[in-house]
C-alpha atoms as a PDB file:
ATOM      1  CA  MET A   1     108.659 136.720  87.588  1.00  0.00           C
ATOM      2  CA  ASN A   2     111.409 135.619  85.155  1.00  0.00           C
ATOM      3  CA  PRO A   3     109.844 136.367  81.153  1.00  0.00           C
ATOM      4  CA  ASP A   4     111.208 133.345  80.609  1.00  0.00           C
ATOM      5  CA  ILE A   5     109.051 131.150  82.799  1.00  0.00           C
ATOM      6  CA  ASP A   6     106.181 133.594  82.119  1.00  0.00           C
ATOM      7  CA  ILE A   7     106.509 132.198  77.808  1.00  0.00           C
ATOM      8  CA  TYR A   8     106.391 129.103  79.378  1.00  0.00           C
ATOM      9  CA  ARG A   9     103.183 129.198  81.434  1.00  0.00           C
ATOM     10  CA  SER A  10     101.396 131.134  78.540  1.00  0.00           C
ATOM     11  CA  LEU A  11     102.447 128.822  76.244  1.00  0.00           C
ATOM     12  CA  LYS A  12     101.830 125.928  78.341  1.00  0.00           C
ATOM     13  CA  TYR A  13      97.899 127.515  79.237  1.00  0.00           C
ATOM     14  CA  ARG A  14      97.056 127.975  76.118  1.00  0.00           C
ATOM     15  CA  LEU A  15      98.389 124.499  74.244  1.00  0.00           C
ATOM     16  CA  ILE A  16      96.347 122.839  77.169  1.00  0.00           C
ATOM     17  CA  SER A  17      92.769 124.966  76.968  1.00  0.00           C
ATOM     18  CA  ASN A  18      92.146 125.066  72.816  1.00  0.00           C
ATOM     19  CA  GLY A  19      95.237 128.208  72.260  1.00  0.00           C
ATOM     20  CA  PHE A  20      96.267 126.181  69.123  1.00  0.00           C
ATOM     21  CA  GLU A  21      94.945 124.034  67.302  1.00  0.00           C
ATOM     22  CA  HIS A  22      95.796 120.473  67.029  1.00  0.00           C
ATOM     23  CA  GLY A  23      98.581 119.900  64.658  1.00  0.00           C
ATOM     24  CA  ALA A  24      99.061 123.816  64.040  1.00  0.00           C
ATOM     25  CA  LYS A  25     103.014 124.039  63.269  1.00  0.00           C
ATOM     26  CA  LEU A  26     104.407 126.524  65.697  1.00  0.00           C
ATOM     27  CA  ARG A  27     106.549 128.994  64.581  1.00  0.00           C
ATOM     28  CA  ALA A  28     109.176 131.050  67.266  1.00  0.00           C
ATOM     29  CA  GLU A  29     109.851 133.506  64.818  1.00  0.00           C
ATOM     30  CA  LEU A  30     106.106 134.746  64.586  1.00  0.00           C
ATOM     31  CA  LEU A  31     105.625 134.127  68.241  1.00  0.00           C
ATOM     32  CA  ARG A  32     108.972 135.615  69.469  1.00  0.00           C
ATOM     33  CA  LYS A  33     106.863 139.168  68.229  1.00  0.00           C
ATOM     34  CA  GLU A  34     103.529 138.371  70.757  1.00  0.00           C
ATOM     35  CA  PHE A  35     105.782 138.011  73.206  1.00  0.00           C
ATOM     36  CA  ASN A  36     108.186 140.792  72.821  1.00  0.00           C
ATOM     37  CA  SER A  37     111.320 138.550  72.738  1.00  0.00           C
ATOM     38  CA  SER A  38     113.913 136.272  71.294  1.00  0.00           C
ATOM     39  CA  ALA A  39     112.747 133.289  68.880  1.00  0.00           C
ATOM     40  CA  SER A  40     115.635 131.587  70.329  1.00  0.00           C
ATOM     41  CA  THR A  41     113.573 132.180  73.909  1.00  0.00           C
ATOM     42  CA  VAL A  42     110.526 130.387  72.620  1.00  0.00           C
ATOM     43  CA  ARG A  43     112.536 127.910  70.844  1.00  0.00           C
ATOM     44  CA  GLU A  44     113.699 127.048  73.812  1.00  0.00           C
ATOM     45  CA  ALA A  45     110.181 127.458  75.909  1.00  0.00           C
ATOM     46  CA  LEU A  46     108.503 124.760  73.109  1.00  0.00           C
ATOM     47  CA  PHE A  47     111.436 122.381  73.442  1.00  0.00           C
ATOM     48  CA  ARG A  48     110.707 122.338  77.558  1.00  0.00           C
ATOM     49  CA  LEU A  49     107.184 121.682  76.455  1.00  0.00           C
ATOM     50  CA  SER A  50     107.918 118.860  74.286  1.00  0.00           C
ATOM     51  CA  THR A  51     109.230 117.043  76.721  1.00  0.00           C
ATOM     52  CA  VAL A  52     106.649 116.277  78.803  1.00  0.00           C
ATOM     53  CA  GLY A  53     104.224 116.047  75.622  1.00  0.00           C
ATOM     54  CA  LEU A  54     102.604 119.064  75.030  1.00  0.00           C
ATOM     55  CA  VAL A  55     104.918 120.523  72.070  1.00  0.00           C
ATOM     56  CA  ASP A  56     105.902 117.321  68.454  1.00  0.00           C
ATOM     57  CA  PHE A  57     109.578 118.183  67.845  1.00  0.00           C
ATOM     58  CA  LYS A  58     111.269 116.066  64.728  1.00  0.00           C
ATOM     59  CA  GLU A  59     114.116 117.226  62.822  1.00  0.00           C
ATOM     60  CA  GLN A  60     113.665 119.551  59.998  1.00  0.00           C
ATOM     61  CA  ARG A  61     109.802 119.936  60.639  1.00  0.00           C
ATOM     62  CA  GLY A  62     109.962 122.332  63.725  1.00  0.00           C
ATOM     63  CA  PHE A  63     107.665 122.357  66.692  1.00  0.00           C
ATOM     64  CA  ARG A  64     103.504 121.306  66.024  1.00  0.00           C
ATOM     65  CA  VAL A  65     100.701 120.845  68.407  1.00  0.00           C
ATOM     66  CA  PRO A  66     100.011 116.618  68.393  1.00  0.00           C
ATOM     67  CA  GLU A  67      96.938 115.857  66.892  1.00  0.00           C
ATOM     68  CA  ARG A  68      93.570 114.187  68.710  1.00  0.00           C
ATOM     69  CA  SER A  69      93.845 110.512  68.766  1.00  0.00           C
ATOM     70  CA  PRO A  70      91.263 108.189  70.495  1.00  0.00           C
ATOM     71  CA  GLN A  71      94.057 105.909  70.893  1.00  0.00           C
ATOM     72  CA  LYS A  72      96.498 108.140  73.166  1.00  0.00           C
ATOM     73  CA  LEU A  73      93.326 109.794  75.016  1.00  0.00           C
ATOM     74  CA  ILE A  74      92.488 105.632  76.379  1.00  0.00           C
ATOM     75  CA  GLU A  75      96.270 105.623  77.125  1.00  0.00           C
ATOM     76  CA  LEU A  76      96.002 108.546  79.642  1.00  0.00           C
ATOM     77  CA  THR A  77      92.903 107.876  80.800  1.00  0.00           C
ATOM     78  CA  HIS A  78      94.001 104.732  82.236  1.00  0.00           C
ATOM     79  CA  LEU A  79      97.424 106.483  84.050  1.00  0.00           C
ATOM     80  CA  ARG A  80      94.833 109.010  85.306  1.00  0.00           C
ATOM     81  CA  VAL A  81      92.645 106.421  86.487  1.00  0.00           C
ATOM     82  CA  LEU A  82      95.730 104.072  88.276  1.00  0.00           C
ATOM     83  CA  LEU A  83      97.697 107.599  89.123  1.00  0.00           C
ATOM     84  CA  GLU A  84      94.966 108.934  91.059  1.00  0.00           C
ATOM     85  CA  GLY A  85      93.295 106.454  92.586  1.00  0.00           C
ATOM     86  CA  GLU A  86      96.645 105.556  94.258  1.00  0.00           C
ATOM     87  CA  GLY A  87      96.930 108.839  95.427  1.00  0.00           C
ATOM     88  CA  THR A  88      93.946 109.755  96.262  1.00  0.00           C
ATOM     89  CA  VAL A  89      94.048 106.171  98.388  1.00  0.00           C
ATOM     90  CA  LEU A  90      97.428 107.213 100.356  1.00  0.00           C
ATOM     91  CA  SER A  91      96.387 110.704 100.425  1.00  0.00           C
ATOM     92  CA  ILE A  92      93.118 109.107 102.520  1.00  0.00           C
ATOM     93  CA  ARG A  93      95.811 107.434 104.646  1.00  0.00           C
ATOM     94  CA  ASN A  94      98.195 110.198 105.257  1.00  0.00           C
ATOM     95  CA  GLY A  95      96.425 113.520 104.935  1.00  0.00           C
ATOM     96  CA  GLY A  96      94.239 113.592 107.869  1.00  0.00           C
ATOM     97  CA  VAL A  97      91.717 116.611 108.648  1.00  0.00           C
ATOM     98  CA  ALA A  98      93.936 119.220 106.775  1.00  0.00           C
ATOM     99  CA  TRP A  99      93.972 117.347 103.844  1.00  0.00           C
ATOM    100  CA  GLU A 100      90.018 116.387 104.428  1.00  0.00           C
ATOM    101  CA  ALA A 101      89.117 120.209 104.621  1.00  0.00           C
ATOM    102  CA  GLN A 102      91.587 120.995 101.372  1.00  0.00           C
ATOM    103  CA  LEU A 103      89.188 118.855  99.617  1.00  0.00           C
ATOM    104  CA  THR A 104      86.259 119.735 100.624  1.00  0.00           C
ATOM    105  CA  ALA A 105      87.071 123.094  99.864  1.00  0.00           C
ATOM    106  CA  ALA A 106      88.901 122.946  96.355  1.00  0.00           C
ATOM    107  CA  HIS A 107      84.988 120.955  95.559  1.00  0.00           C
ATOM    108  CA  HIS A 108      82.990 123.632  96.774  1.00  0.00           C
ATOM    109  CA  GLN A 109      84.721 125.933  94.582  1.00  0.00           C
ATOM    110  CA  LEU A 110      84.606 123.262  91.750  1.00  0.00           C
ATOM    111  CA  SER A 111      81.147 122.560  92.431  1.00  0.00           C
ATOM    112  CA  HIS A 112      79.958 125.928  92.241  1.00  0.00           C
ATOM    113  CA  ILE A 113      81.295 126.551  89.047  1.00  0.00           C
ATOM    114  CA  GLU A 114      79.611 123.489  87.480  1.00  0.00           C
ATOM    115  CA  LYS A 115      76.745 124.463  88.739  1.00  0.00           C
ATOM    116  CA  ARG A 116      76.797 127.864  86.791  1.00  0.00           C
ATOM    117  CA  ILE A 117      77.553 126.224  83.820  1.00  0.00           C
ATOM    118  CA  HIS A 118      75.345 123.810  84.268  1.00  0.00           C
ATOM    119  CA  GLY A 119      72.488 126.800  84.011  1.00  0.00           C
ATOM    120  CA  LEU A 120      73.873 129.226  81.005  1.00  0.00           C
ATOM    121  CA  ASP A 121      73.352 128.220  77.438  1.00  0.00           C
ATOM    122  CA  ASP A 122      76.621 129.968  77.208  1.00  0.00           C
ATOM    123  CA  PRO A 123      79.259 129.234  79.037  1.00  0.00           C
ATOM    124  CA  THR A 124      82.630 130.521  77.232  1.00  0.00           C
ATOM    125  CA  ASP A 125      83.097 133.531  79.908  1.00  0.00           C
ATOM    126  CA  LEU A 126      83.572 130.581  82.793  1.00  0.00           C
ATOM    127  CA  ILE A 127      85.770 128.062  80.942  1.00  0.00           C
ATOM    128  CA  GLU A 128      88.651 129.398  82.083  1.00  0.00           C
ATOM    129  CA  ILE A 129      88.279 129.181  85.876  1.00  0.00           C
ATOM    130  CA  TRP A 130      86.207 125.947  85.492  1.00  0.00           C
ATOM    131  CA  PHE A 131      90.298 124.382  84.021  1.00  0.00           C
ATOM    132  CA  ASN A 132      91.331 125.768  87.022  1.00  0.00           C
ATOM    133  CA  SER A 133      89.124 124.341  89.138  1.00  0.00           C
ATOM    134  CA  GLU A 134      88.806 121.246  88.163  1.00  0.00           C
ATOM    135  CA  LYS A 135      92.425 120.875  87.924  1.00  0.00           C
ATOM    136  CA  GLY A 136      92.845 121.946  91.522  1.00  0.00           C
ATOM    137  CA  PHE A 137      90.209 119.410  92.978  1.00  0.00           C
ATOM    138  CA  HIS A 138      92.051 116.293  91.354  1.00  0.00           C
ATOM    139  CA  GLN A 139      95.358 117.773  92.677  1.00  0.00           C
ATOM    140  CA  THR A 140      94.033 117.927  95.733  1.00  0.00           C
ATOM    141  CA  LEU A 141      92.571 114.686  95.746  1.00  0.00           C
ATOM    142  CA  ILE A 142      95.973 113.210  95.378  1.00  0.00           C
ATOM    143  CA  SER A 143      97.571 116.320  97.285  1.00  0.00           C
ATOM    144  CA  ALA A 144      98.615 114.322 100.461  1.00  0.00           C
ATOM    145  CA  CYS A 145     100.306 111.147  98.613  1.00  0.00           C
ATOM    146  CA  GLY A 146     103.357 111.899 100.099  1.00  0.00           C
ATOM    147  CA  SER A 147     104.947 111.217  96.687  1.00  0.00           C
ATOM    148  CA  GLU A 148     106.321 113.794  94.757  1.00  0.00           C
ATOM    149  CA  THR A 149     107.282 111.438  91.593  1.00  0.00           C
ATOM    150  CA  LEU A 150     103.464 110.550  92.264  1.00  0.00           C
ATOM    151  CA  LYS A 151     102.324 114.235  91.684  1.00  0.00           C
ATOM    152  CA  GLN A 152     104.938 115.074  89.201  1.00  0.00           C
ATOM    153  CA  MET A 153     103.461 112.542  86.827  1.00  0.00           C
ATOM    154  CA  HIS A 154     100.836 113.122  87.504  1.00  0.00           C
ATOM    155  CA  ALA A 155     100.564 117.003  86.722  1.00  0.00           C
ATOM    156  CA  ARG A 156     102.212 115.726  83.116  1.00  0.00           C
ATOM    157  CA  ILE A 157      99.680 112.649  82.572  1.00  0.00           C
ATOM    158  CA  TYR A 158      96.358 115.282  83.589  1.00  0.00           C
ATOM    159  CA  ALA A 159      97.751 118.268  80.721  1.00  0.00           C
ATOM    160  CA  GLN A 160      98.289 115.989  78.013  1.00  0.00           C
ATOM    161  CA  PHE A 161      95.167 114.522  78.854  1.00  0.00           C
ATOM    162  CA  ARG A 162      93.778 118.402  78.758  1.00  0.00           C
ATOM    163  CA  GLN A 163      95.221 119.043  75.303  1.00  0.00           C
ATOM    164  CA  GLN A 164      93.458 115.609  74.153  1.00  0.00           C
ATOM    165  CA  LEU A 165      89.806 116.650  75.001  1.00  0.00           C
ATOM    166  CA  MET A 166      90.753 121.200  74.734  1.00  0.00           C
ATOM    167  CA  VAL A 167      88.001 120.871  71.916  1.00  0.00           C
ATOM    168  CA  ALA A 168      85.130 118.542  73.131  1.00  0.00           C
ATOM    169  CA  ASP A 169      85.141 119.354  76.906  1.00  0.00           C
ATOM    170  CA  ARG A 170      84.429 122.931  75.747  1.00  0.00           C
ATOM    171  CA  ASN A 171      80.363 122.072  74.637  1.00  0.00           C
ATOM    172  CA  PHE A 172      80.304 120.885  78.160  1.00  0.00           C
ATOM    173  CA  GLY A 173      77.383 118.150  77.169  1.00  0.00           C
ATOM    174  CA  PHE A 174      78.549 115.817  80.425  1.00  0.00           C
ATOM    175  CA  ILE A 175      78.482 118.908  83.319  1.00  0.00           C
ATOM    176  CA  SER A 176      75.564 117.522  84.744  1.00  0.00           C
ATOM    177  CA  GLU A 177      77.329 114.222  85.376  1.00  0.00           C
ATOM    178  CA  ASN A 178      80.015 115.653  86.070  1.00  0.00           C
ATOM    179  CA  ILE A 179      78.627 117.518  89.264  1.00  0.00           C
ATOM    180  CA  GLN A 180      77.365 113.914  90.500  1.00  0.00           C
ATOM    181  CA  HIS A 181      80.726 112.228  89.979  1.00  0.00           C
ATOM    182  CA  HIS A 182      82.820 114.979  91.687  1.00  0.00           C
ATOM    183  CA  ALA A 183      80.130 114.855  94.863  1.00  0.00           C
ATOM    184  CA  GLU A 184      80.538 111.052  94.815  1.00  0.00           C
ATOM    185  CA  ILE A 185      84.375 110.979  95.131  1.00  0.00           C
ATOM    186  CA  LEU A 186      84.296 113.677  97.445  1.00  0.00           C
ATOM    187  CA  ASP A 187      82.037 111.397  99.642  1.00  0.00           C
ATOM    188  CA  ALA A 188      84.301 108.462  99.718  1.00  0.00           C
ATOM    189  CA  ALA A 189      87.203 110.040  99.929  1.00  0.00           C
ATOM    190  CA  LEU A 190      86.162 111.200 103.575  1.00  0.00           C
ATOM    191  CA  SER A 191      84.637 108.838 104.585  1.00  0.00           C
ATOM    192  CA  GLY A 192      87.631 106.888 104.158  1.00  0.00           C
ATOM    193  CA  ASN A 193      86.151 103.695 101.607  1.00  0.00           C
ATOM    194  CA  GLU A 194      89.986 103.201  99.426  1.00  0.00           C
ATOM    195  CA  ALA A 195      88.355 100.693  97.257  1.00  0.00           C
ATOM    196  CA  LEU A 196      85.092 103.134  97.051  1.00  0.00           C
ATOM    197  CA  THR A 197      86.979 105.939  96.024  1.00  0.00           C
ATOM    198  CA  ARG A 198      88.977 104.169  93.045  1.00  0.00           C
ATOM    199  CA  GLU A 199      85.316 102.881  92.079  1.00  0.00           C
ATOM    200  CA  LYS A 200      84.216 106.615  91.789  1.00  0.00           C
ATOM    201  CA  ILE A 201      87.676 107.606  90.356  1.00  0.00           C
ATOM    202  CA  HIS A 202      87.184 105.176  87.605  1.00  0.00           C
ATOM    203  CA  ASN A 203      82.933 105.663  86.669  1.00  0.00           C
ATOM    204  CA  HIS A 204      84.119 109.667  86.763  1.00  0.00           C
ATOM    205  CA  LEU A 205      87.324 109.216  83.555  1.00  0.00           C
ATOM    206  CA  ALA A 206      85.156 105.759  81.635  1.00  0.00           C
ATOM    207  CA  ARG A 207      83.896 107.789  78.989  1.00  0.00           C
ATOM    208  CA  HIS A 208      87.220 108.085  77.538  1.00  0.00           C
ATOM    209  CA  LEU A 209      88.428 105.050  78.078  1.00  0.00           C
ATOM    210  CA  THR A 210      86.685 104.215  74.339  1.00  0.00           C
ATOM    211  CA  GLY A 211      88.133 107.295  72.616  1.00  0.00           C
ATOM    212  CA  ALA A 212      84.570 108.054  71.501  1.00  0.00           C
ATOM    213  CA  THR A 213      85.327 111.523  72.733  1.00  0.00           C
ATOM    214  CA  LEU A 214      87.150 112.450  70.279  1.00  0.00           C
ATOM    215  CA  GLU A 215      85.161 111.315  67.363  1.00  0.00           C
ATOM    216  CA  GLY A 216      82.803 114.064  65.478  1.00  0.00           C
END
């Protein structure tokens, strides 16, 4: 594996999973020691991450983790609703039995993790696998849409969305509702009902459309 790619991926994961505080300054001179790399290599990774909206960069001020923003969360949520709704409808039309099987498998994994979390007082050990499983389910929804542009845009929006929620979502107070929502999305998609699928995706994300998720 290319070490530069490893640094980029490691930083990206930490930026969307509470590895850095919102608004924190990202110093290449310090991070290079952690990665046993050059400061220029770390800066290159941070520049790349700034082009996908996960790092803020300003001349003379350097790199920072984006601040939490209720308005930004609302905008990102609207885009997720649009992209996932359209992408899933296209997958319903194009995906066939293979896509249905992949979606069912992705949901089975996510549902298992969410039910485990629901039964724990401290789900800390399951946070990383939940992040990955939740992302996997939503990516599978649009995986057969036939548009690489849509999938790339969704991946970018999803990462920024997850970054905004990286603190708020760690208490998992929403998890029982999530279990129901994901099951309803799966059922609607497998039924082939396009309007219902769009509705269930909207309902799943609706709690973020007021920005209240970031309050407190």
